[in-house]
Amino acid sequence: MTADPGINHAIESLIRSIPERWTEFDHDDLSAAEQKALRLLVAAGLVERRIAVRGEMAGHAPALEFTVDATGEFGIVEAMNPVAAEMWTKWGAAFSSWKASEAGGTSPFRFIKTGSERWRLTEQGVEARKDLDVEAPSAGSAAFVGSHQRVMEFILRTGNQTHRPPVRGEGRLVELKSLPGSAAPMVLGSPLQVALSNSGELAAAFRELVVPALAAALKETTAAGGADSSPALPPGSNADSETNESPAPALSVNEIAVLRALASFNGSQLVSARQIEERMGAGERLSQRSIQPIVRRLIELGLAQRPSGDRSGTRLTLAGSRLANRLDD
């Protein structure tokens, strides 16, 4: 485990005290150790946070206020994707003009957290709380026996859990409203589906500025984004546990071919195995039967997603798009 007993104590204290139902808390009231422990618990998928954020584009109305739920290492990105899409519908034209002028290279976006946050234990967090009172029969058994040792090692990625895979988690847009505008907020039972339907290049540039700035806001920071801000969060990177981006996964030649084919579509378009097959070059074309398991593997790796169910089609995640760009360099 970590050599910092203060972090260990804060982790255990938070697991025991955070309720199973949504409850307000003040992040600023937490100690530095508790804030770090909370980031670790969210990244491990044991605690879910609900955060409200206000976003503005300089000189352009409306501002947007939105609330998201997030847990795990990918939850923030999953929650922010529909937010970025909605922002594109509001600010896309203004962004196009700003992009043409570059405006000195500074980002026009500003995001700040608003109001109190909420938190709750996930189902896995409830189980972890029970396991805190169990001692493993031996050090080796802590690898597979629910116990205090296993919980702490899992959260801290130490001991038997040093090389555990990242916890993908999930995120959800809960509420979105424009200011000024309709006084009635739009409350969402499921993530908002808004397509980025303009030039893929311009939409990608928009996301490259917006998503990092949103991520920074959700990490306790007021940010303006820009080229030097924290990168957009791919699955496997760990914004909440302060680790660097994970190295790119090893892909076979066929997996790379499918990845590149997906990258050739508009970033918001959901495509079928048939469309992927048709887009692939003659020298690398695979059958739909071969493409389907490759797509499933790309989804498992966090490089692709099916946001509306198995039959809705597939698109690359931010991590998949970035990897495809690196492969083409």
C-alpha atoms as a PDB file:
ATOM      1  CA  MET A   1       0.000   0.000   0.000  1.00  0.00           C
ATOM      2  CA  THR A   2       0.978   3.633  -0.215  1.00  0.00           C
ATOM      3  CA  ALA A   3       3.531   4.885   2.289  1.00  0.00           C
ATOM      4  CA  ASP A   4       1.197   7.766   3.180  1.00  0.00           C
ATOM      5  CA  PRO A   5      -0.920   6.627   6.132  1.00  0.00           C
ATOM      6  CA  GLY A   6      -2.970   9.828   5.894  1.00  0.00           C
ATOM      7  CA  ILE A   7      -4.300   8.808   2.478  1.00  0.00           C
ATOM      8  CA  ASN A   8      -5.047   5.271   3.707  1.00  0.00           C
ATOM      9  CA  HIS A   9      -6.980   6.667   6.647  1.00  0.00           C
ATOM     10  CA  ALA A  10      -8.866   9.144   4.452  1.00  0.00           C
ATOM     11  CA  ILE A  11      -9.869   6.398   2.001  1.00  0.00           C
ATOM     12  CA  GLU A  12     -11.201   4.166   4.744  1.00  0.00           C
ATOM     13  CA  SER A  13     -12.961   7.061   6.479  1.00  0.00           C
ATOM     14  CA  LEU A  14     -14.732   8.164   3.286  1.00  0.00           C
ATOM     15  CA  ILE A  15     -15.865   4.647   2.356  1.00  0.00           C
ATOM     16  CA  ARG A  16     -17.386   4.265   5.808  1.00  0.00           C
ATOM     17  CA  SER A  17     -19.070   7.686   5.816  1.00  0.00           C
ATOM     18  CA  ILE A  18     -20.289   8.358   2.261  1.00  0.00           C
ATOM     19  CA  PRO A  19     -23.963   7.303   2.070  1.00  0.00           C
ATOM     20  CA  GLU A  20     -25.621   5.023  -0.458  1.00  0.00           C
ATOM     21  CA  ARG A  21     -28.076   7.737  -1.504  1.00  0.00           C
ATOM     22  CA  TRP A  22     -27.259  11.091  -3.083  1.00  0.00           C
ATOM     23  CA  THR A  23     -26.175  13.560  -0.401  1.00  0.00           C
ATOM     24  CA  GLU A  24     -24.767  17.071  -0.729  1.00  0.00           C
ATOM     25  CA  PHE A  25     -21.222  17.784   0.398  1.00  0.00           C
ATOM     26  CA  ASP A  26     -18.786  20.691   0.168  1.00  0.00           C
ATOM     27  CA  HIS A  27     -15.585  19.697  -1.577  1.00  0.00           C
ATOM     28  CA  ASP A  28     -13.764  22.665  -0.061  1.00  0.00           C
ATOM     29  CA  ASP A  29     -14.505  21.330   3.417  1.00  0.00           C
ATOM     30  CA  LEU A  30     -12.469  18.189   2.730  1.00  0.00           C
ATOM     31  CA  SER A  31      -8.823  18.037   3.726  1.00  0.00           C
ATOM     32  CA  ALA A  32      -6.158  17.676   1.044  1.00  0.00           C
ATOM     33  CA  ALA A  33      -5.856  13.980   1.903  1.00  0.00           C
ATOM     34  CA  GLU A  34      -9.635  13.521   1.701  1.00  0.00           C
ATOM     35  CA  GLN A  35      -9.780  15.270  -1.684  1.00  0.00           C
ATOM     36  CA  LYS A  36      -7.110  12.946  -3.039  1.00  0.00           C
ATOM     37  CA  ALA A  37      -8.844   9.933  -1.483  1.00  0.00           C
ATOM     38  CA  LEU A  38     -12.115  10.975  -3.152  1.00  0.00           C
ATOM     39  CA  ARG A  39     -10.427  11.149  -6.557  1.00  0.00           C
ATOM     40  CA  LEU A  40      -9.051   7.652  -6.025  1.00  0.00           C
ATOM     41  CA  LEU A  41     -12.420   6.281  -4.937  1.00  0.00           C
ATOM     42  CA  VAL A  42     -14.186   7.764  -7.969  1.00  0.00           C
ATOM     43  CA  ALA A  43     -11.499   6.398 -10.317  1.00  0.00           C
ATOM     44  CA  ALA A  44     -11.887   2.959  -8.730  1.00  0.00           C
ATOM     45  CA  GLY A  45     -15.637   3.013  -9.367  1.00  0.00           C
ATOM     46  CA  LEU A  46     -16.571   2.938  -5.685  1.00  0.00           C
ATOM     47  CA  VAL A  47     -17.988   6.482  -5.419  1.00  0.00           C
ATOM     48  CA  GLU A  48     -20.150   8.427  -7.867  1.00  0.00           C
ATOM     49  CA  ARG A  49     -20.151  12.232  -7.978  1.00  0.00           C
ATOM     50  CA  ARG A  50     -22.791  14.640  -9.259  1.00  0.00           C
ATOM     51  CA  ILE A  51     -21.346  17.978 -10.362  1.00  0.00           C
ATOM     52  CA  ALA A  52     -22.942  21.141 -11.773  1.00  0.00           C
ATOM     53  CA  VAL A  53     -20.968  23.263 -14.256  1.00  0.00           C
ATOM     54  CA  ARG A  54     -21.531  26.531 -16.123  1.00  0.00           C
ATOM     55  CA  GLY A  55     -19.963  26.929 -19.567  1.00  0.00           C
ATOM     56  CA  GLU A  56     -19.539  30.099 -21.628  1.00  0.00           C
ATOM     57  CA  MET A  57     -18.050  31.067 -24.987  1.00  0.00           C
ATOM     58  CA  ALA A  58     -16.615  34.576 -24.847  1.00  0.00           C
ATOM     59  CA  GLY A  59     -18.895  37.127 -26.465  1.00  0.00           C
ATOM     60  CA  HIS A  60     -21.577  34.626 -27.416  1.00  0.00           C
ATOM     61  CA  ALA A  61     -24.857  33.697 -25.744  1.00  0.00           C
ATOM     62  CA  PRO A  62     -26.249  31.535 -24.431  1.00  0.00           C
ATOM     63  CA  ALA A  63     -24.271  30.212 -21.527  1.00  0.00           C
ATOM     64  CA  LEU A  64     -25.034  26.604 -20.654  1.00  0.00           C
ATOM     65  CA  GLU A  65     -25.484  25.082 -17.227  1.00  0.00           C
ATOM     66  CA  PHE A  66     -25.427  21.323 -16.890  1.00  0.00           C
ATOM     67  CA  THR A  67     -25.214  18.625 -14.258  1.00  0.00           C
ATOM     68  CA  VAL A  68     -23.397  15.324 -14.746  1.00  0.00           C
ATOM     69  CA  ASP A  69     -22.941  12.079 -12.831  1.00  0.00           C
ATOM     70  CA  ALA A  70     -19.607  10.310 -13.175  1.00  0.00           C
ATOM     71  CA  THR A  71     -17.692   7.399 -11.734  1.00  0.00           C
ATOM     72  CA  GLY A  72     -14.678   5.402 -12.904  1.00  0.00           C
ATOM     73  CA  GLU A  73     -11.886   6.610 -15.147  1.00  0.00           C
ATOM     74  CA  PHE A  74     -13.987   7.170 -18.266  1.00  0.00           C
ATOM     75  CA  GLY A  75     -17.181   8.458 -16.672  1.00  0.00           C
ATOM     76  CA  ILE A  76     -16.288  12.125 -17.013  1.00  0.00           C
ATOM     77  CA  VAL A  77     -15.691  11.788 -20.747  1.00  0.00           C
ATOM     78  CA  GLU A  78     -18.866   9.768 -21.284  1.00  0.00           C
ATOM     79  CA  ALA A  79     -20.896  12.419 -19.455  1.00  0.00           C
ATOM     80  CA  MET A  80     -19.243  15.266 -21.357  1.00  0.00           C
ATOM     81  CA  ASN A  81     -19.710  13.884 -24.872  1.00  0.00           C
ATOM     82  CA  PRO A  82     -23.395  14.897 -25.146  1.00  0.00           C
ATOM     83  CA  VAL A  83     -22.578  18.226 -23.473  1.00  0.00           C
ATOM     84  CA  ALA A  84     -19.955  18.954 -26.127  1.00  0.00           C
ATOM     85  CA  ALA A  85     -22.459  17.990 -28.826  1.00  0.00           C
ATOM     86  CA  GLU A  86     -25.059  20.399 -27.453  1.00  0.00           C
ATOM     87  CA  MET A  87     -22.444  23.150 -27.234  1.00  0.00           C
ATOM     88  CA  TRP A  88     -21.645  22.549 -30.881  1.00  0.00           C
ATOM     89  CA  THR A  89     -25.261  23.243 -31.832  1.00  0.00           C
ATOM     90  CA  LYS A  90     -25.143  26.511 -29.851  1.00  0.00           C
ATOM     91  CA  TRP A  91     -21.596  27.707 -30.556  1.00  0.00           C
ATOM     92  CA  GLY A  92     -20.519  25.896 -33.727  1.00  0.00           C
ATOM     93  CA  ALA A  93     -20.921  28.872 -36.078  1.00  0.00           C
ATOM     94  CA  ALA A  94     -19.169  31.239 -33.667  1.00  0.00           C
ATOM     95  CA  PHE A  95     -16.386  28.707 -33.195  1.00  0.00           C
ATOM     96  CA  SER A  96     -15.912  28.496 -36.963  1.00  0.00           C
ATOM     97  CA  SER A  97     -15.347  32.257 -37.099  1.00  0.00           C
ATOM     98  CA  TRP A  98     -13.034  32.173 -34.079  1.00  0.00           C
ATOM     99  CA  LYS A  99     -11.058  29.293 -35.591  1.00  0.00           C
ATOM    100  CA  ALA A 100     -10.518  31.281 -38.797  1.00  0.00           C
ATOM    101  CA  SER A 101      -9.110  34.238 -36.845  1.00  0.00           C
ATOM    102  CA  GLU A 102      -7.361  32.090 -34.151  1.00  0.00           C
ATOM    103  CA  ALA A 103      -7.802  35.088 -31.776  1.00  0.00           C
ATOM    104  CA  GLY A 104      -4.246  34.987 -30.522  1.00  0.00           C
ATOM    105  CA  GLY A 105      -4.364  31.264 -29.844  1.00  0.00           C
ATOM    106  CA  THR A 106      -6.301  31.572 -26.580  1.00  0.00           C
ATOM    107  CA  SER A 107      -9.398  29.448 -26.020  1.00  0.00           C
ATOM    108  CA  PRO A 108     -12.769  31.262 -25.997  1.00  0.00           C
ATOM    109  CA  PHE A 109     -14.275  28.778 -23.520  1.00  0.00           C
ATOM    110  CA  ARG A 110     -14.642  29.110 -19.753  1.00  0.00           C
ATOM    111  CA  PHE A 111     -16.072  26.519 -17.365  1.00  0.00           C
ATOM    112  CA  ILE A 112     -16.666  26.758 -13.618  1.00  0.00           C
ATOM    113  CA  LYS A 113     -18.343  24.492 -11.121  1.00  0.00           C
ATOM    114  CA  THR A 114     -21.539  25.880  -9.603  1.00  0.00           C
ATOM    115  CA  GLY A 115     -23.370  25.012  -6.425  1.00  0.00           C
ATOM    116  CA  SER A 116     -22.843  22.095  -4.088  1.00  0.00           C
ATOM    117  CA  GLU A 117     -21.776  18.662  -5.201  1.00  0.00           C
ATOM    118  CA  ARG A 118     -23.395  15.346  -4.340  1.00  0.00           C
ATOM    119  CA  TRP A 119     -21.907  11.925  -3.796  1.00  0.00           C
ATOM    120  CA  ARG A 120     -22.947   8.377  -3.081  1.00  0.00           C
ATOM    121  CA  LEU A 121     -21.407   4.926  -2.903  1.00  0.00           C
ATOM    122  CA  THR A 122     -21.853   2.720  -5.946  1.00  0.00           C
ATOM    123  CA  GLU A 123     -22.904  -0.923  -5.527  1.00  0.00           C
ATOM    124  CA  GLN A 124     -19.230  -1.840  -5.632  1.00  0.00           C
ATOM    125  CA  GLY A 125     -18.558   0.791  -2.986  1.00  0.00           C
ATOM    126  CA  VAL A 126     -21.145  -0.769  -0.691  1.00  0.00           C
ATOM    127  CA  GLU A 127     -19.442  -4.161  -1.071  1.00  0.00           C
ATOM    128  CA  ALA A 128     -16.052  -2.580  -0.436  1.00  0.00           C
ATOM    129  CA  ARG A 129     -17.351  -1.067   2.806  1.00  0.00           C
ATOM    130  CA  LYS A 130     -18.402  -4.520   3.991  1.00  0.00           C
ATOM    131  CA  ASP A 131     -15.005  -5.968   3.073  1.00  0.00           C
ATOM    132  CA  LEU A 132     -13.140  -3.359   5.139  1.00  0.00           C
ATOM    133  CA  ASP A 133     -14.047  -5.353   8.265  1.00  0.00           C
ATOM    134  CA  VAL A 134     -12.651  -8.614   6.876  1.00  0.00           C
ATOM    135  CA  GLU A 135      -9.011  -9.627   7.234  1.00  0.00           C
ATOM    136  CA  ALA A 136      -7.597 -11.959   4.585  1.00  0.00           C
ATOM    137  CA  PRO A 137      -6.301 -15.295   5.958  1.00  0.00           C
ATOM    138  CA  SER A 138      -2.914 -14.600   4.344  1.00  0.00           C
ATOM    139  CA  ALA A 139      -1.204 -11.951   2.231  1.00  0.00           C
ATOM    140  CA  GLY A 140      -1.517 -14.112  -0.875  1.00  0.00           C
ATOM    141  CA  SER A 141      -5.225 -14.753  -0.402  1.00  0.00           C
ATOM    142  CA  ALA A 142      -5.893 -11.003  -0.527  1.00  0.00           C
ATOM    143  CA  ALA A 143      -5.655 -11.306  -4.307  1.00  0.00           C
ATOM    144  CA  PHE A 144      -9.027 -13.042  -4.478  1.00  0.00           C
ATOM    145  CA  VAL A 145     -10.677 -12.904  -1.023  1.00  0.00           C
ATOM    146  CA  GLY A 146     -12.853  -9.888  -0.258  1.00  0.00           C
ATOM    147  CA  SER A 147     -10.989  -8.178   2.576  1.00  0.00           C
ATOM    148  CA  HIS A 148      -9.558  -4.949   3.931  1.00  0.00           C
ATOM    149  CA  GLN A 149      -6.267  -5.661   2.145  1.00  0.00           C
ATOM    150  CA  ARG A 150      -7.904  -6.323  -1.210  1.00  0.00           C
ATOM    151  CA  VAL A 151     -10.048  -3.157  -1.054  1.00  0.00           C
ATOM    152  CA  MET A 152      -7.078  -0.931  -0.270  1.00  0.00           C
ATOM    153  CA  GLU A 153      -4.830  -2.559  -2.851  1.00  0.00           C
ATOM    154  CA  PHE A 154      -7.547  -2.224  -5.496  1.00  0.00           C
ATOM    155  CA  ILE A 155      -8.061   1.483  -4.838  1.00  0.00           C
ATOM    156  CA  LEU A 156      -4.345   2.284  -4.644  1.00  0.00           C
ATOM    157  CA  ARG A 157      -3.244  -0.127  -7.404  1.00  0.00           C
ATOM    158  CA  THR A 158      -0.634  -1.717  -5.177  1.00  0.00           C
ATOM    159  CA  GLY A 159       0.313  -5.251  -4.123  1.00  0.00           C
ATOM    160  CA  ASN A 160      -1.819  -7.881  -5.835  1.00  0.00           C
ATOM    161  CA  GLN A 161      -3.742  -5.150  -7.700  1.00  0.00           C
ATOM    162  CA  THR A 162      -0.766  -3.242  -9.132  1.00  0.00           C
ATOM    163  CA  HIS A 163      -1.558  -4.269 -12.690  1.00  0.00           C
ATOM    164  CA  ARG A 164      -5.341  -4.392 -12.510  1.00  0.00           C
ATOM    165  CA  PRO A 165      -7.113  -2.954 -15.571  1.00  0.00           C
ATOM    166  CA  PRO A 166      -8.598   0.525 -15.253  1.00  0.00           C
ATOM    167  CA  VAL A 167     -12.196   0.837 -14.098  1.00  0.00           C
ATOM    168  CA  ARG A 168     -14.085   2.233 -17.067  1.00  0.00           C
ATOM    169  CA  GLY A 169     -17.082   3.400 -15.042  1.00  0.00           C
ATOM    170  CA  GLU A 170     -19.874   5.449 -16.560  1.00  0.00           C
ATOM    171  CA  GLY A 171     -21.126   8.986 -16.875  1.00  0.00           C
ATOM    172  CA  ARG A 172     -24.502  10.572 -17.527  1.00  0.00           C
ATOM    173  CA  LEU A 173     -25.838  13.996 -18.376  1.00  0.00           C
ATOM    174  CA  VAL A 174     -28.579  14.693 -15.817  1.00  0.00           C
ATOM    175  CA  GLU A 175     -29.711  18.232 -16.614  1.00  0.00           C
ATOM    176  CA  LEU A 176     -28.978  20.883 -19.221  1.00  0.00           C
ATOM    177  CA  LYS A 177     -30.301  24.424 -19.636  1.00  0.00           C
ATOM    178  CA  SER A 178     -29.415  27.571 -21.571  1.00  0.00           C
ATOM    179  CA  LEU A 179     -28.942  30.958 -19.893  1.00  0.00           C
ATOM    180  CA  PRO A 180     -30.601  33.213 -20.798  1.00  0.00           C
ATOM    181  CA  GLY A 181     -33.391  31.173 -22.312  1.00  0.00           C
ATOM    182  CA  SER A 182     -36.210  29.000 -21.204  1.00  0.00           C
ATOM    183  CA  ALA A 183     -36.558  29.025 -17.445  1.00  0.00           C
ATOM    184  CA  ALA A 184     -37.485  25.350 -17.497  1.00  0.00           C
ATOM    185  CA  PRO A 185     -34.409  23.102 -17.557  1.00  0.00           C
ATOM    186  CA  MET A 186     -34.319  20.039 -19.772  1.00  0.00           C
ATOM    187  CA  VAL A 187     -34.173  17.014 -17.462  1.00  0.00           C
ATOM    188  CA  LEU A 188     -32.825  13.911 -19.147  1.00  0.00           C
ATOM    189  CA  GLY A 189     -33.654  10.333 -18.310  1.00  0.00           C
ATOM    190  CA  SER A 190     -30.863   9.144 -20.608  1.00  0.00           C
ATOM    191  CA  PRO A 191     -27.841  10.789 -22.273  1.00  0.00           C
ATOM    192  CA  LEU A 192     -28.710  13.462 -24.810  1.00  0.00           C
ATOM    193  CA  GLN A 193     -28.179  12.351 -28.401  1.00  0.00           C
ATOM    194  CA  VAL A 194     -27.029  15.312 -30.497  1.00  0.00           C
ATOM    195  CA  ALA A 195     -24.939  14.733 -33.610  1.00  0.00           C
ATOM    196  CA  LEU A 196     -21.941  16.845 -34.545  1.00  0.00           C
ATOM    197  CA  SER A 197     -23.018  17.129 -38.137  1.00  0.00           C
ATOM    198  CA  ASN A 198     -20.617  19.685 -39.555  1.00  0.00           C
ATOM    199  CA  SER A 199     -17.154  19.162 -41.041  1.00  0.00           C
ATOM    200  CA  GLY A 200     -15.451  16.355 -39.154  1.00  0.00           C
ATOM    201  CA  GLU A 201     -12.243  18.354 -38.966  1.00  0.00           C
ATOM    202  CA  LEU A 202     -13.894  21.437 -37.488  1.00  0.00           C
ATOM    203  CA  ALA A 203     -15.990  19.399 -35.051  1.00  0.00           C
ATOM    204  CA  ALA A 204     -12.863  17.532 -33.918  1.00  0.00           C
ATOM    205  CA  ALA A 205     -11.045  20.842 -33.345  1.00  0.00           C
ATOM    206  CA  PHE A 206     -14.004  22.066 -31.297  1.00  0.00           C
ATOM    207  CA  ARG A 207     -13.920  18.952 -29.121  1.00  0.00           C
ATOM    208  CA  GLU A 208     -10.153  19.222 -28.676  1.00  0.00           C
ATOM    209  CA  LEU A 209     -10.695  22.577 -26.971  1.00  0.00           C
ATOM    210  CA  VAL A 210     -13.992  21.989 -25.183  1.00  0.00           C
ATOM    211  CA  VAL A 211     -13.508  18.537 -23.677  1.00  0.00           C
ATOM    212  CA  PRO A 212     -10.178  19.255 -21.889  1.00  0.00           C
ATOM    213  CA  ALA A 213     -11.594  22.476 -20.459  1.00  0.00           C
ATOM    214  CA  LEU A 214     -14.682  20.639 -19.216  1.00  0.00           C
ATOM    215  CA  ALA A 215     -12.507  17.925 -17.707  1.00  0.00           C
ATOM    216  CA  ALA A 216     -10.463  20.524 -15.869  1.00  0.00           C
ATOM    217  CA  ALA A 217     -13.618  22.115 -14.470  1.00  0.00           C
ATOM    218  CA  LEU A 218     -14.801  18.761 -13.154  1.00  0.00           C
ATOM    219  CA  LYS A 219     -11.404  18.258 -11.507  1.00  0.00           C
ATOM    220  CA  GLU A 220     -11.844  21.235  -9.179  1.00  0.00           C
ATOM    221  CA  THR A 221     -10.190  23.676 -11.621  1.00  0.00           C
ATOM    222  CA  THR A 222     -11.489  26.692 -13.493  1.00  0.00           C
ATOM    223  CA  ALA A 223      -9.968  26.353 -16.949  1.00  0.00           C
ATOM    224  CA  ALA A 224      -9.954  28.077 -20.296  1.00  0.00           C
ATOM    225  CA  GLY A 225      -8.772  25.051 -22.250  1.00  0.00           C
ATOM    226  CA  GLY A 226      -6.365  25.554 -25.122  1.00  0.00           C
ATOM    227  CA  ALA A 227      -3.556  23.537 -26.611  1.00  0.00           C
ATOM    228  CA  ASP A 228      -1.571  23.298 -23.408  1.00  0.00           C
ATOM    229  CA  SER A 229      -4.406  22.356 -21.071  1.00  0.00           C
ATOM    230  CA  SER A 230      -4.855  18.843 -19.738  1.00  0.00           C
ATOM    231  CA  PRO A 231      -5.621  16.403 -22.546  1.00  0.00           C
ATOM    232  CA  ALA A 232      -9.038  15.003 -23.263  1.00  0.00           C
ATOM    233  CA  LEU A 233      -9.530  11.961 -21.110  1.00  0.00           C
ATOM    234  CA  PRO A 234      -9.332   8.654 -22.933  1.00  0.00           C
ATOM    235  CA  PRO A 235     -10.356   5.377 -21.329  1.00  0.00           C
ATOM    236  CA  GLY A 236      -7.346   4.114 -19.431  1.00  0.00           C
ATOM    237  CA  SER A 237      -6.140   7.549 -18.458  1.00  0.00           C
ATOM    238  CA  ASN A 238      -6.898   8.471 -14.901  1.00  0.00           C
ATOM    239  CA  ALA A 239      -7.864  12.062 -14.319  1.00  0.00           C
ATOM    240  CA  ASP A 240      -9.176  11.299 -10.843  1.00  0.00           C
ATOM    241  CA  SER A 241      -6.140   9.382  -9.594  1.00  0.00           C
ATOM    242  CA  GLU A 242      -3.608  11.726 -11.185  1.00  0.00           C
ATOM    243  CA  THR A 243      -1.873   9.148 -13.357  1.00  0.00           C
ATOM    244  CA  ASN A 244      -0.582   9.704 -16.880  1.00  0.00           C
ATOM    245  CA  GLU A 245      -2.283   8.427 -19.994  1.00  0.00           C
ATOM    246  CA  SER A 246      -1.900   4.676 -20.384  1.00  0.00           C
ATOM    247  CA  PRO A 247       0.242   3.467 -23.301  1.00  0.00           C
ATOM    248  CA  ALA A 248      -1.614   2.540 -26.469  1.00  0.00           C
ATOM    249  CA  PRO A 249      -2.829  -1.080 -26.462  1.00  0.00           C
ATOM    250  CA  ALA A 250      -1.156  -3.595 -28.767  1.00  0.00           C
ATOM    251  CA  LEU A 251      -3.307  -4.065 -31.862  1.00  0.00           C
ATOM    252  CA  SER A 252      -3.111  -6.604 -34.662  1.00  0.00           C
ATOM    253  CA  VAL A 253      -2.835  -5.568 -38.318  1.00  0.00           C
ATOM    254  CA  ASN A 254      -6.546  -6.274 -38.831  1.00  0.00           C
ATOM    255  CA  GLU A 255      -7.530  -4.317 -35.719  1.00  0.00           C
ATOM    256  CA  ILE A 256      -5.512  -1.341 -36.938  1.00  0.00           C
ATOM    257  CA  ALA A 257      -7.228  -1.579 -40.327  1.00  0.00           C
ATOM    258  CA  VAL A 258     -10.684  -1.486 -38.717  1.00  0.00           C
ATOM    259  CA  LEU A 259      -9.611   1.376 -36.430  1.00  0.00           C
ATOM    260  CA  ARG A 260      -8.465   3.406 -39.432  1.00  0.00           C
ATOM    261  CA  ALA A 261     -11.668   2.650 -41.316  1.00  0.00           C
ATOM    262  CA  LEU A 262     -13.732   3.913 -38.373  1.00  0.00           C
ATOM    263  CA  ALA A 263     -11.555   7.035 -38.186  1.00  0.00           C
ATOM    264  CA  SER A 264     -12.446   7.892 -41.783  1.00  0.00           C
ATOM    265  CA  PHE A 265     -16.086   8.508 -40.820  1.00  0.00           C
ATOM    266  CA  ASN A 266     -17.481  11.650 -39.214  1.00  0.00           C
ATOM    267  CA  GLY A 267     -16.793  11.457 -35.467  1.00  0.00           C
ATOM    268  CA  SER A 268     -20.497  11.467 -34.568  1.00  0.00           C
ATOM    269  CA  GLN A 269     -21.621   8.920 -37.187  1.00  0.00           C
ATOM    270  CA  LEU A 270     -22.633   5.435 -36.028  1.00  0.00           C
ATOM    271  CA  VAL A 271     -21.546   2.915 -38.647  1.00  0.00           C
ATOM    272  CA  SER A 272     -22.261  -0.760 -39.286  1.00  0.00           C
ATOM    273  CA  ALA A 273     -19.874  -3.617 -40.043  1.00  0.00           C
ATOM    274  CA  ARG A 274     -21.005  -3.403 -43.655  1.00  0.00           C
ATOM    275  CA  GLN A 275     -20.053   0.286 -43.864  1.00  0.00           C
ATOM    276  CA  ILE A 276     -16.670  -0.463 -42.289  1.00  0.00           C
ATOM    277  CA  GLU A 277     -16.081  -3.208 -44.833  1.00  0.00           C
ATOM    278  CA  GLU A 278     -16.950  -0.892 -47.714  1.00  0.00           C
ATOM    279  CA  ARG A 279     -14.624   1.834 -46.394  1.00  0.00           C
ATOM    280  CA  MET A 280     -11.580  -0.448 -46.062  1.00  0.00           C
ATOM    281  CA  GLY A 281      -8.989  -0.515 -48.835  1.00  0.00           C
ATOM    282  CA  ALA A 282      -8.901  -3.436 -51.248  1.00  0.00           C
ATOM    283  CA  GLY A 283      -5.640  -4.763 -49.843  1.00  0.00           C
ATOM    284  CA  GLU A 284      -6.895  -4.885 -46.260  1.00  0.00           C
ATOM    285  CA  ARG A 285     -10.636  -5.542 -46.658  1.00  0.00           C
ATOM    286  CA  LEU A 286     -12.145  -7.976 -44.167  1.00  0.00           C
ATOM    287  CA  SER A 287     -15.522  -9.697 -44.136  1.00  0.00           C
ATOM    288  CA  GLN A 288     -18.287  -8.431 -41.874  1.00  0.00           C
ATOM    289  CA  ARG A 289     -17.953 -11.651 -39.856  1.00  0.00           C
ATOM    290  CA  SER A 290     -14.292 -10.804 -39.204  1.00  0.00           C
ATOM    291  CA  ILE A 291     -15.000  -7.142 -38.507  1.00  0.00           C
ATOM    292  CA  GLN A 292     -17.625  -7.747 -35.809  1.00  0.00           C
ATOM    293  CA  PRO A 293     -15.336  -9.375 -33.179  1.00  0.00           C
ATOM    294  CA  ILE A 294     -12.670  -6.746 -33.891  1.00  0.00           C
ATOM    295  CA  VAL A 295     -15.202  -4.002 -33.200  1.00  0.00           C
ATOM    296  CA  ARG A 296     -16.119  -5.714 -29.915  1.00  0.00           C
ATOM    297  CA  ARG A 297     -12.451  -5.774 -28.925  1.00  0.00           C
ATOM    298  CA  LEU A 298     -12.028  -2.089 -29.781  1.00  0.00           C
ATOM    299  CA  ILE A 299     -15.026  -1.364 -27.549  1.00  0.00           C
ATOM    300  CA  GLU A 300     -13.506  -3.426 -24.720  1.00  0.00           C
ATOM    301  CA  LEU A 301     -10.289  -1.416 -25.077  1.00  0.00           C
ATOM    302  CA  GLY A 302     -12.221   1.851 -24.866  1.00  0.00           C
ATOM    303  CA  LEU A 303     -11.274   2.815 -28.439  1.00  0.00           C
ATOM    304  CA  ALA A 304     -14.816   2.541 -29.846  1.00  0.00           C
ATOM    305  CA  GLN A 305     -18.353   2.728 -28.468  1.00  0.00           C
ATOM    306  CA  ARG A 306     -21.946   1.791 -29.209  1.00  0.00           C
ATOM    307  CA  PRO A 307     -23.762   4.559 -27.325  1.00  0.00           C
ATOM    308  CA  SER A 308     -27.302   3.421 -28.184  1.00  0.00           C
ATOM    309  CA  GLY A 309     -27.121  -0.374 -28.046  1.00  0.00           C
ATOM    310  CA  ASP A 310     -25.616  -3.273 -29.954  1.00  0.00           C
ATOM    311  CA  ARG A 311     -27.574  -2.674 -33.173  1.00  0.00           C
ATOM    312  CA  SER A 312     -27.131   1.091 -33.369  1.00  0.00           C
ATOM    313  CA  GLY A 313     -23.687   1.156 -34.959  1.00  0.00           C
ATOM    314  CA  THR A 314     -20.206   2.007 -33.772  1.00  0.00           C
ATOM    315  CA  ARG A 315     -17.995   5.085 -33.619  1.00  0.00           C
ATOM    316  CA  LEU A 316     -14.566   5.839 -32.208  1.00  0.00           C
ATOM    317  CA  THR A 317     -14.098   7.336 -28.761  1.00  0.00           C
ATOM    318  CA  LEU A 318     -11.717  10.265 -28.242  1.00  0.00           C
ATOM    319  CA  ALA A 319      -9.006   7.747 -27.360  1.00  0.00           C
ATOM    320  CA  GLY A 320      -9.666   5.795 -30.560  1.00  0.00           C
ATOM    321  CA  SER A 321      -9.513   8.935 -32.697  1.00  0.00           C
ATOM    322  CA  ARG A 322      -6.259   9.992 -31.097  1.00  0.00           C
ATOM    323  CA  LEU A 323      -4.714   6.579 -31.584  1.00  0.00           C
ATOM    324  CA  ALA A 324      -5.778   6.524 -35.240  1.00  0.00           C
ATOM    325  CA  ASN A 325      -4.152   9.919 -35.743  1.00  0.00           C
ATOM    326  CA  ARG A 326      -0.944   8.697 -34.119  1.00  0.00           C
ATOM    327  CA  LEU A 327      -0.887   5.634 -36.350  1.00  0.00           C
ATOM    328  CA  ASP A 328      -1.155   7.868 -39.411  1.00  0.00           C
ATOM    329  CA  ASP A 329       1.703  10.136 -38.330  1.00  0.00           C
END
